[in-house]
């Protein structure tokens, strides 16, 4: 059976919570607990990068108090590493941008009891998994509304740049959350209007600042004129 693994990047050494023992342990624990592929639990859809848990379970697994668990989760939510949604008897934790950092180039090792066929079986399994992985969509955004394949994400990075792409993903994710908007193909939606919408909003913000500045200047001059009589 395939044994999934997680990747930790060296830039984590510069992460702001790296020196906070409980928060750092909690984040790594979330990476290890998160599902690496979509599944179901009691009829509930669990996406890749998500897992079902509870505060008492996390406290028991990490040997922390419930308050320490709450604090660690709060730290991770405040800086966007995770999203945490609580329900009456459980909570769903989502590792944000799971597909971006854990979905690419994932490999699995398969062992066979038949030593003579191990190599062939491994090669076939890896090829089948690679074909599936290339088409699998991963979840992005704080509200988990954006789905992109690795190829779609990488092409967006190449065409628009990483920072602009992440900004557009954030815009569409929040737009869906506020408006209840749905799209069959998030990659196409991003390309057709979201990047332009982000640019337009930036331009409106800039013009609004200039307009407000001019209005303030006018008010000051009018007050000065009245004062002089």
C-alpha atoms as a PDB file:
ATOM      1  CA  UNK A   1       0.000   0.000   0.000  1.00  0.00           C
ATOM      2  CA  UNK A   2       1.241   3.492  -0.804  1.00  0.00           C
ATOM      3  CA  UNK A   3       2.751   5.387   2.103  1.00  0.00           C
ATOM      4  CA  UNK A   4       2.193   9.160   1.631  1.00  0.00           C
ATOM      5  CA  UNK A   5       4.721  11.650   2.906  1.00  0.00           C
ATOM      6  CA  UNK A   6       4.877  15.412   3.439  1.00  0.00           C
ATOM      7  CA  UNK A   7       7.474  17.934   2.329  1.00  0.00           C
ATOM      8  CA  UNK A   8       9.075  20.547   4.560  1.00  0.00           C
ATOM      9  CA  UNK A   9      10.898  23.418   2.890  1.00  0.00           C
ATOM     10  CA  UNK A  10      14.069  24.961   4.319  1.00  0.00           C
ATOM     11  CA  UNK A  11      12.451  28.402   4.235  1.00  0.00           C
ATOM     12  CA  UNK A  12      10.408  27.143   7.184  1.00  0.00           C
ATOM     13  CA  UNK A  13      13.452  28.026   9.300  1.00  0.00           C
ATOM     14  CA  UNK A  14      12.554  31.693   8.692  1.00  0.00           C
ATOM     15  CA  UNK A  15       8.839  31.150   9.400  1.00  0.00           C
ATOM     16  CA  UNK A  16       7.557  33.463  12.151  1.00  0.00           C
ATOM     17  CA  UNK A  17       6.169  30.580  14.258  1.00  0.00           C
ATOM     18  CA  UNK A  18       9.181  28.293  13.892  1.00  0.00           C
ATOM     19  CA  UNK A  19      10.518  29.267  17.334  1.00  0.00           C
ATOM     20  CA  UNK A  20       7.107  28.790  18.971  1.00  0.00           C
ATOM     21  CA  UNK A  21       7.212  25.150  20.004  1.00  0.00           C
ATOM     22  CA  UNK A  22       3.485  24.484  20.315  1.00  0.00           C
ATOM     23  CA  UNK A  23       2.498  26.352  17.137  1.00  0.00           C
ATOM     24  CA  UNK A  24       5.255  24.763  15.055  1.00  0.00           C
ATOM     25  CA  UNK A  25       4.342  21.279  16.324  1.00  0.00           C
ATOM     26  CA  UNK A  26       0.686  21.946  15.628  1.00  0.00           C
ATOM     27  CA  UNK A  27       1.347  22.961  12.016  1.00  0.00           C
ATOM     28  CA  UNK A  28       3.519  19.914  11.315  1.00  0.00           C
ATOM     29  CA  UNK A  29       0.858  17.756  12.985  1.00  0.00           C
ATOM     30  CA  UNK A  30      -1.778  19.277  10.681  1.00  0.00           C
ATOM     31  CA  UNK A  31       0.406  18.480   7.653  1.00  0.00           C
ATOM     32  CA  UNK A  32       0.737  14.874   8.811  1.00  0.00           C
ATOM     33  CA  UNK A  33      -2.966  14.490   9.641  1.00  0.00           C
ATOM     34  CA  UNK A  34      -4.282  16.114   6.443  1.00  0.00           C
ATOM     35  CA  UNK A  35      -5.737  13.813   3.787  1.00  0.00           C
ATOM     36  CA  UNK A  36      -3.559  13.621   0.700  1.00  0.00           C
ATOM     37  CA  UNK A  37      -6.578  12.811  -1.466  1.00  0.00           C
ATOM     38  CA  UNK A  38     -10.316  13.511  -1.263  1.00  0.00           C
ATOM     39  CA  UNK A  39     -12.356  11.102   0.851  1.00  0.00           C
ATOM     40  CA  UNK A  40     -15.613  10.814   2.795  1.00  0.00           C
ATOM     41  CA  UNK A  41     -16.381  10.369   6.494  1.00  0.00           C
ATOM     42  CA  UNK A  42     -19.950   9.694   7.622  1.00  0.00           C
ATOM     43  CA  UNK A  43     -21.181  11.231   4.366  1.00  0.00           C
ATOM     44  CA  UNK A  44     -19.020  14.350   4.788  1.00  0.00           C
ATOM     45  CA  UNK A  45     -16.765  15.314   1.876  1.00  0.00           C
ATOM     46  CA  UNK A  46     -13.166  15.753   3.025  1.00  0.00           C
ATOM     47  CA  UNK A  47     -10.889  17.384   0.464  1.00  0.00           C
ATOM     48  CA  UNK A  48      -7.152  16.916   0.076  1.00  0.00           C
ATOM     49  CA  UNK A  49      -5.417  19.010   2.722  1.00  0.00           C
ATOM     50  CA  UNK A  50      -8.300  18.669   5.192  1.00  0.00           C
ATOM     51  CA  UNK A  51      -8.942  16.447   8.207  1.00  0.00           C
ATOM     52  CA  UNK A  52     -11.619  16.008  10.852  1.00  0.00           C
ATOM     53  CA  UNK A  53     -10.635  16.325  14.496  1.00  0.00           C
ATOM     54  CA  UNK A  54     -11.606  17.951  17.804  1.00  0.00           C
ATOM     55  CA  UNK A  55      -9.853  20.037  20.423  1.00  0.00           C
ATOM     56  CA  UNK A  56      -9.665  17.144  22.918  1.00  0.00           C
ATOM     57  CA  UNK A  57      -8.239  14.844  20.218  1.00  0.00           C
ATOM     58  CA  UNK A  58      -5.538  17.348  19.267  1.00  0.00           C
ATOM     59  CA  UNK A  59      -4.704  17.919  22.921  1.00  0.00           C
ATOM     60  CA  UNK A  60      -4.350  14.165  23.472  1.00  0.00           C
ATOM     61  CA  UNK A  61      -2.295  13.603  20.303  1.00  0.00           C
ATOM     62  CA  UNK A  62       0.131  16.457  21.032  1.00  0.00           C
ATOM     63  CA  UNK A  63       0.131  16.139  24.850  1.00  0.00           C
ATOM     64  CA  UNK A  64      -1.014  19.748  25.202  1.00  0.00           C
ATOM     65  CA  UNK A  65      -3.780  21.394  27.183  1.00  0.00           C
ATOM     66  CA  UNK A  66      -6.957  22.423  25.389  1.00  0.00           C
ATOM     67  CA  UNK A  67      -6.005  26.078  25.871  1.00  0.00           C
ATOM     68  CA  UNK A  68      -2.572  25.485  24.334  1.00  0.00           C
ATOM     69  CA  UNK A  69      -4.283  23.850  21.352  1.00  0.00           C
ATOM     70  CA  UNK A  70      -6.638  26.829  20.976  1.00  0.00           C
ATOM     71  CA  UNK A  71      -3.720  29.260  21.099  1.00  0.00           C
ATOM     72  CA  UNK A  72      -1.658  27.325  18.527  1.00  0.00           C
ATOM     73  CA  UNK A  73      -4.628  27.083  16.141  1.00  0.00           C
ATOM     74  CA  UNK A  74      -5.315  30.790  16.617  1.00  0.00           C
ATOM     75  CA  UNK A  75      -1.708  31.616  15.669  1.00  0.00           C
ATOM     76  CA  UNK A  76      -1.919  29.511  12.507  1.00  0.00           C
ATOM     77  CA  UNK A  77      -5.273  31.013  11.499  1.00  0.00           C
ATOM     78  CA  UNK A  78      -4.043  34.565  12.083  1.00  0.00           C
ATOM     79  CA  UNK A  79      -1.222  34.136   9.565  1.00  0.00           C
ATOM     80  CA  UNK A  80      -3.210  32.091   7.049  1.00  0.00           C
ATOM     81  CA  UNK A  81      -1.571  28.677   7.409  1.00  0.00           C
ATOM     82  CA  UNK A  82      -4.868  26.964   8.201  1.00  0.00           C
ATOM     83  CA  UNK A  83      -8.624  27.448   8.173  1.00  0.00           C
ATOM     84  CA  UNK A  84     -10.549  25.983  11.094  1.00  0.00           C
ATOM     85  CA  UNK A  85     -14.319  25.434  11.027  1.00  0.00           C
ATOM     86  CA  UNK A  86     -15.946  24.127  14.190  1.00  0.00           C
ATOM     87  CA  UNK A  87     -19.164  22.100  14.344  1.00  0.00           C
ATOM     88  CA  UNK A  88     -21.143  20.679  17.269  1.00  0.00           C
ATOM     89  CA  UNK A  89     -19.182  17.433  17.635  1.00  0.00           C
ATOM     90  CA  UNK A  90     -16.112  17.931  15.439  1.00  0.00           C
ATOM     91  CA  UNK A  91     -14.106  20.475  13.493  1.00  0.00           C
ATOM     92  CA  UNK A  92     -12.597  20.459  10.018  1.00  0.00           C
ATOM     93  CA  UNK A  93      -9.093  21.878   9.679  1.00  0.00           C
ATOM     94  CA  UNK A  94      -7.857  22.870   6.227  1.00  0.00           C
ATOM     95  CA  UNK A  95      -4.172  23.370   5.465  1.00  0.00           C
ATOM     96  CA  UNK A  96      -4.327  26.363   3.138  1.00  0.00           C
ATOM     97  CA  UNK A  97      -2.508  26.059  -0.193  1.00  0.00           C
ATOM     98  CA  UNK A  98      -1.991  22.345   0.444  1.00  0.00           C
ATOM     99  CA  UNK A  99      -1.773  21.535  -3.250  1.00  0.00           C
ATOM    100  CA  UNK A 100       0.773  24.274  -3.891  1.00  0.00           C
ATOM    101  CA  UNK A 101       3.332  22.925  -1.431  1.00  0.00           C
ATOM    102  CA  UNK A 102       2.388  19.269  -0.971  1.00  0.00           C
ATOM    103  CA  UNK A 103       0.634  18.303  -4.212  1.00  0.00           C
ATOM    104  CA  UNK A 104       3.474  18.647  -6.725  1.00  0.00           C
ATOM    105  CA  UNK A 105       5.840  15.802  -7.471  1.00  0.00           C
ATOM    106  CA  UNK A 106       4.347  13.564  -4.783  1.00  0.00           C
ATOM    107  CA  UNK A 107       5.787  10.074  -4.957  1.00  0.00           C
ATOM    108  CA  UNK A 108       4.799   6.830  -3.304  1.00  0.00           C
ATOM    109  CA  UNK A 109       6.738   3.631  -2.704  1.00  0.00           C
ATOM    110  CA  UNK A 110       4.971   0.324  -3.170  1.00  0.00           C
ATOM    111  CA  UNK A 111       6.354  -2.978  -1.942  1.00  0.00           C
ATOM    112  CA  UNK A 112       5.460  -6.359  -3.346  1.00  0.00           C
ATOM    113  CA  UNK A 113       5.837  -9.715  -1.635  1.00  0.00           C
ATOM    114  CA  UNK A 114       6.818 -11.170  -4.980  1.00  0.00           C
ATOM    115  CA  UNK A 115      10.439 -10.034  -5.402  1.00  0.00           C
ATOM    116  CA  UNK A 116      10.559 -11.024  -9.076  1.00  0.00           C
ATOM    117  CA  UNK A 117       7.718  -8.645  -9.980  1.00  0.00           C
ATOM    118  CA  UNK A 118       8.536  -5.746  -7.648  1.00  0.00           C
ATOM    119  CA  UNK A 119      10.218  -3.534 -10.253  1.00  0.00           C
ATOM    120  CA  UNK A 120       7.501  -3.939 -12.877  1.00  0.00           C
ATOM    121  CA  UNK A 121       4.698  -3.417 -10.398  1.00  0.00           C
ATOM    122  CA  UNK A 122       6.414  -0.330  -8.979  1.00  0.00           C
ATOM    123  CA  UNK A 123       6.875   1.171 -12.423  1.00  0.00           C
ATOM    124  CA  UNK A 124       3.260   0.553 -13.414  1.00  0.00           C
ATOM    125  CA  UNK A 125       1.898   1.905 -10.127  1.00  0.00           C
ATOM    126  CA  UNK A 126       4.027   5.061 -10.342  1.00  0.00           C
ATOM    127  CA  UNK A 127       2.878   5.715 -13.909  1.00  0.00           C
ATOM    128  CA  UNK A 128      -0.795   5.256 -13.011  1.00  0.00           C
ATOM    129  CA  UNK A 129      -0.436   7.511  -9.999  1.00  0.00           C
ATOM    130  CA  UNK A 130       1.371  10.185 -12.026  1.00  0.00           C
ATOM    131  CA  UNK A 131      -1.394  10.191 -14.644  1.00  0.00           C
ATOM    132  CA  UNK A 132      -4.034  10.604 -11.929  1.00  0.00           C
ATOM    133  CA  UNK A 133      -2.045  13.266 -10.088  1.00  0.00           C
ATOM    134  CA  UNK A 134      -1.616  15.426 -13.165  1.00  0.00           C
ATOM    135  CA  UNK A 135      -5.383  15.716 -13.575  1.00  0.00           C
ATOM    136  CA  UNK A 136      -6.282  16.014  -9.879  1.00  0.00           C
ATOM    137  CA  UNK A 137      -7.421  19.421  -8.721  1.00  0.00           C
ATOM    138  CA  UNK A 138      -6.121  20.869  -5.457  1.00  0.00           C
ATOM    139  CA  UNK A 139      -7.840  23.295  -3.113  1.00  0.00           C
ATOM    140  CA  UNK A 140      -6.707  26.928  -2.776  1.00  0.00           C
ATOM    141  CA  UNK A 141      -7.916  29.981  -0.885  1.00  0.00           C
ATOM    142  CA  UNK A 142      -8.852  30.734   2.706  1.00  0.00           C
ATOM    143  CA  UNK A 143     -12.419  29.542   2.082  1.00  0.00           C
ATOM    144  CA  UNK A 144     -11.350  26.542  -0.039  1.00  0.00           C
ATOM    145  CA  UNK A 145     -13.425  27.586  -3.074  1.00  0.00           C
ATOM    146  CA  UNK A 146     -10.700  27.446  -5.746  1.00  0.00           C
ATOM    147  CA  UNK A 147      -9.714  24.220  -7.499  1.00  0.00           C
ATOM    148  CA  UNK A 148      -6.743  23.984  -9.860  1.00  0.00           C
ATOM    149  CA  UNK A 149      -4.576  21.203 -11.215  1.00  0.00           C
ATOM    150  CA  UNK A 150      -0.826  21.457 -10.810  1.00  0.00           C
ATOM    151  CA  UNK A 151      -0.504  22.216 -14.527  1.00  0.00           C
ATOM    152  CA  UNK A 152      -3.107  24.990 -14.362  1.00  0.00           C
ATOM    153  CA  UNK A 153      -1.425  26.573 -11.347  1.00  0.00           C
ATOM    154  CA  UNK A 154       2.047  26.416 -12.871  1.00  0.00           C
ATOM    155  CA  UNK A 155       0.813  27.912 -16.158  1.00  0.00           C
ATOM    156  CA  UNK A 156      -0.890  30.763 -14.285  1.00  0.00           C
ATOM    157  CA  UNK A 157       2.369  31.431 -12.437  1.00  0.00           C
ATOM    158  CA  UNK A 158       4.216  31.493 -15.764  1.00  0.00           C
ATOM    159  CA  UNK A 159       1.681  33.742 -17.526  1.00  0.00           C
ATOM    160  CA  UNK A 160       0.834  36.201 -14.749  1.00  0.00           C
ATOM    161  CA  UNK A 161       3.491  35.813 -12.070  1.00  0.00           C
ATOM    162  CA  UNK A 162       3.166  34.115  -8.691  1.00  0.00           C
ATOM    163  CA  UNK A 163       2.131  37.176  -6.638  1.00  0.00           C
ATOM    164  CA  UNK A 164      -0.558  38.300  -9.109  1.00  0.00           C
ATOM    165  CA  UNK A 165      -1.892  34.744  -9.381  1.00  0.00           C
ATOM    166  CA  UNK A 166      -2.176  34.366  -5.602  1.00  0.00           C
ATOM    167  CA  UNK A 167      -3.899  37.751  -5.441  1.00  0.00           C
ATOM    168  CA  UNK A 168      -6.380  36.704  -8.135  1.00  0.00           C
ATOM    169  CA  UNK A 169      -7.035  33.383  -6.365  1.00  0.00           C
ATOM    170  CA  UNK A 170      -7.707  35.276  -3.122  1.00  0.00           C
ATOM    171  CA  UNK A 171     -10.065  37.661  -4.964  1.00  0.00           C
ATOM    172  CA  UNK A 172     -12.104  34.861  -6.571  1.00  0.00           C
ATOM    173  CA  UNK A 173     -12.167  32.799  -3.359  1.00  0.00           C
ATOM    174  CA  UNK A 174     -13.545  35.738  -1.351  1.00  0.00           C
ATOM    175  CA  UNK A 175     -15.965  36.672  -4.168  1.00  0.00           C
ATOM    176  CA  UNK A 176     -17.413  33.159  -4.124  1.00  0.00           C
ATOM    177  CA  UNK A 177     -17.734  33.257  -0.335  1.00  0.00           C
ATOM    178  CA  UNK A 178     -19.551  36.617  -0.353  1.00  0.00           C
ATOM    179  CA  UNK A 179     -21.740  36.204  -3.432  1.00  0.00           C
ATOM    180  CA  UNK A 180     -22.326  32.457  -3.544  1.00  0.00           C
ATOM    181  CA  UNK A 181     -20.792  32.522  -7.035  1.00  0.00           C
ATOM    182  CA  UNK A 182     -19.892  29.186  -8.632  1.00  0.00           C
ATOM    183  CA  UNK A 183     -17.748  28.302 -11.624  1.00  0.00           C
ATOM    184  CA  UNK A 184     -17.140  24.997 -13.380  1.00  0.00           C
ATOM    185  CA  UNK A 185     -13.570  25.874 -14.329  1.00  0.00           C
ATOM    186  CA  UNK A 186     -11.690  28.164 -11.938  1.00  0.00           C
ATOM    187  CA  UNK A 187      -8.661  28.325 -14.222  1.00  0.00           C
ATOM    188  CA  UNK A 188     -10.781  29.688 -17.068  1.00  0.00           C
ATOM    189  CA  UNK A 189     -12.647  32.050 -14.732  1.00  0.00           C
ATOM    190  CA  UNK A 190      -9.404  33.501 -13.419  1.00  0.00           C
ATOM    191  CA  UNK A 191      -8.176  34.119 -16.948  1.00  0.00           C
ATOM    192  CA  UNK A 192     -11.449  35.468 -18.372  1.00  0.00           C
ATOM    193  CA  UNK A 193     -12.221  38.194 -15.822  1.00  0.00           C
ATOM    194  CA  UNK A 194     -10.633  37.859 -12.392  1.00  0.00           C
ATOM    195  CA  UNK A 195      -7.167  39.195 -13.253  1.00  0.00           C
ATOM    196  CA  UNK A 196      -8.801  42.179 -14.994  1.00  0.00           C
ATOM    197  CA  UNK A 197     -11.144  42.703 -12.035  1.00  0.00           C
ATOM    198  CA  UNK A 198      -8.209  42.813  -9.615  1.00  0.00           C
ATOM    199  CA  UNK A 199      -6.453  45.424 -11.786  1.00  0.00           C
ATOM    200  CA  UNK A 200      -9.658  47.456 -12.060  1.00  0.00           C
ATOM    201  CA  UNK A 201     -10.200  47.422  -8.304  1.00  0.00           C
ATOM    202  CA  UNK A 202      -6.649  48.578  -7.735  1.00  0.00           C
ATOM    203  CA  UNK A 203      -7.193  51.424 -10.198  1.00  0.00           C
ATOM    204  CA  UNK A 204     -10.436  52.455  -8.494  1.00  0.00           C
ATOM    205  CA  UNK A 205      -8.740  52.435  -5.102  1.00  0.00           C
ATOM    206  CA  UNK A 206      -6.005  54.672  -6.474  1.00  0.00           C
ATOM    207  CA  UNK A 207      -8.481  57.102  -8.063  1.00  0.00           C
ATOM    208  CA  UNK A 208     -10.544  57.150  -4.884  1.00  0.00           C
ATOM    209  CA  UNK A 209      -7.491  58.136  -2.859  1.00  0.00           C
ATOM    210  CA  UNK A 210      -6.743  60.975  -5.285  1.00  0.00           C
ATOM    211  CA  UNK A 211     -10.394  62.095  -5.203  1.00  0.00           C
ATOM    212  CA  UNK A 212     -10.459  62.095  -1.407  1.00  0.00           C
ATOM    213  CA  UNK A 213      -7.213  64.043  -1.304  1.00  0.00           C
ATOM    214  CA  UNK A 214      -8.575  66.679  -3.713  1.00  0.00           C
ATOM    215  CA  UNK A 215     -11.764  66.990  -1.660  1.00  0.00           C
ATOM    216  CA  UNK A 216      -9.766  67.560   1.512  1.00  0.00           C
ATOM    217  CA  UNK A 217      -7.658  70.187  -0.244  1.00  0.00           C
ATOM    218  CA  UNK A 218     -10.826  71.963  -1.387  1.00  0.00           C
ATOM    219  CA  UNK A 219     -12.285  71.909   2.139  1.00  0.00           C
ATOM    220  CA  UNK A 220      -9.122  73.368   3.604  1.00  0.00           C
ATOM    221  CA  UNK A 221      -9.049  76.189   1.045  1.00  0.00           C
ATOM    222  CA  UNK A 222     -12.740  76.955   1.584  1.00  0.00           C
ATOM    223  CA  UNK A 223     -12.263  77.077   5.352  1.00  0.00           C
ATOM    224  CA  UNK A 224      -9.285  79.367   4.892  1.00  0.00           C
ATOM    225  CA  UNK A 225     -11.304  81.702   2.621  1.00  0.00           C
ATOM    226  CA  UNK A 226     -14.174  81.928   5.131  1.00  0.00           C
ATOM    227  CA  UNK A 227     -11.758  82.597   7.978  1.00  0.00           C
ATOM    228  CA  UNK A 228     -10.240  85.512   6.100  1.00  0.00           C
ATOM    229  CA  UNK A 229     -13.700  86.966   5.515  1.00  0.00           C
END
